[in-house]
Amino acid sequence: MTTRIDQIRARLVETFAPEACQLEDESALHAGHAGAASGVGHFRLFIVAEQFEKQSRINRHRLVYDCLSDMMHKDIHALAITALAPSEI
């Protein structure tokens, strides 16, 4: 059985072929929050990928959100993103 976090990670890896991709499920920290009540998750992402080179922070976040667009609000309530280019690590 594939978990939600596995599905998100697989999508990110397929799209960005990242040098690093750490995804944490922080849903338990948000128990009682309105978004958590519906069963969708809270996640924290650290990703390093070539596609982020020379992109603004906003554009990097847009790329990640575009990658996961069909999962937003259905599987993902909140996503904290740290997206870096390889030259930044």
Protein backbone atom coordinates (compact mmCIF):
# COMPACT_ATOMS: atom_id res chain seq x y z
CA MET A 1 0.00 0.00 0.00
CA THR A 2 1.37 3.39 -1.00
CA THR A 3 0.99 6.15 1.55
CA ARG A 4 0.13 9.74 0.76
CA ILE A 5 3.68 10.84 1.57
CA ASP A 6 5.06 8.19 -0.81
CA GLN A 7 2.78 9.45 -3.58
CA ILE A 8 3.87 13.06 -3.04
CA ARG A 9 7.55 12.12 -2.92
CA ALA A 10 7.25 9.99 -6.08
CA ARG A 11 5.62 12.85 -7.96
CA LEU A 12 8.37 15.27 -6.86
CA VAL A 13 11.15 12.86 -7.82
CA GLU A 14 9.57 12.15 -11.20
CA THR A 15 9.14 15.86 -11.97
CA PHE A 16 12.35 17.35 -10.60
CA ALA A 17 14.91 14.49 -10.35
CA PRO A 18 16.15 16.25 -7.22
CA GLU A 19 19.59 15.95 -5.67
CA ALA A 20 17.83 15.98 -2.29
CA CYS A 21 14.20 15.55 -1.34
CA GLN A 22 13.09 15.40 2.28
CA LEU A 23 9.37 15.33 2.92
CA GLU A 24 7.95 15.24 6.43
CA ASP A 25 4.35 14.64 7.44
CA GLU A 26 3.58 17.17 10.17
CA SER A 27 -0.13 16.40 10.28
CA ALA A 28 0.03 15.18 13.88
CA LEU A 29 1.27 18.61 14.95
CA HIS A 30 -1.93 20.14 13.60
CA ALA A 31 -4.48 17.86 15.28
CA GLY A 32 -7.66 19.82 15.91
CA HIS A 33 -6.94 22.30 13.12
CA ALA A 34 -9.80 22.73 10.63
CA GLY A 35 -7.71 21.44 7.71
CA ALA A 36 -6.58 18.41 9.66
CA ALA A 37 -10.16 17.48 10.55
CA SER A 38 -10.94 16.72 6.90
CA GLY A 39 -8.09 14.20 6.71
CA VAL A 40 -5.81 16.17 4.40
CA GLY A 41 -2.21 16.53 5.52
CA HIS A 42 0.31 19.13 6.57
CA PHE A 43 3.76 18.59 5.06
CA ARG A 44 7.23 20.16 5.12
CA LEU A 45 9.41 19.84 2.01
CA PHE A 46 13.13 20.43 1.51
CA ILE A 47 14.11 19.92 -2.13
CA VAL A 48 17.23 20.67 -4.17
CA ALA A 49 16.86 20.55 -7.95
CA GLU A 50 18.48 21.99 -11.05
CA GLN A 51 15.11 23.42 -12.22
CA PHE A 52 15.28 25.94 -9.35
CA GLU A 53 18.50 27.50 -10.64
CA LYS A 54 18.00 31.22 -11.39
CA GLN A 55 14.34 31.03 -10.27
CA SER A 56 12.83 33.31 -7.65
CA ARG A 57 11.48 31.78 -4.48
CA ILE A 58 7.94 32.45 -5.72
CA ASN A 59 8.60 30.70 -9.03
CA ARG A 60 10.13 27.74 -7.22
CA HIS A 61 7.03 27.40 -5.07
CA ARG A 62 4.83 27.68 -8.18
CA LEU A 63 6.77 24.84 -9.82
CA VAL A 64 6.22 22.64 -6.77
CA TYR A 65 2.53 23.56 -6.52
CA ASP A 66 2.07 22.91 -10.25
CA CYS A 67 3.65 19.48 -9.80
CA LEU A 68 1.22 18.64 -6.99
CA SER A 69 -1.81 20.64 -8.18
CA ASP A 70 -4.26 17.74 -8.32
CA MET A 71 -3.27 16.70 -4.78
CA MET A 72 -3.75 20.13 -3.23
CA HIS A 73 -6.80 20.37 -0.94
CA LYS A 74 -7.59 16.70 -1.60
CA ASP A 75 -4.45 15.19 -0.04
CA ILE A 76 -2.47 18.26 1.00
CA HIS A 77 -3.85 21.04 3.18
CA ALA A 78 -0.57 22.82 3.88
CA LEU A 79 2.88 22.54 2.38
CA ALA A 80 5.90 24.40 3.79
CA ILE A 81 8.51 24.53 1.02
CA THR A 82 12.23 25.10 1.03
CA ALA A 83 13.35 24.79 -2.60
CA LEU A 84 17.00 25.36 -3.48
CA ALA A 85 19.20 25.14 -6.53
CA PRO A 86 22.32 22.95 -6.29
CA SER A 87 24.50 26.08 -6.35
CA GLU A 88 22.88 27.20 -3.09
CA ILE A 89 23.85 24.25 -0.94
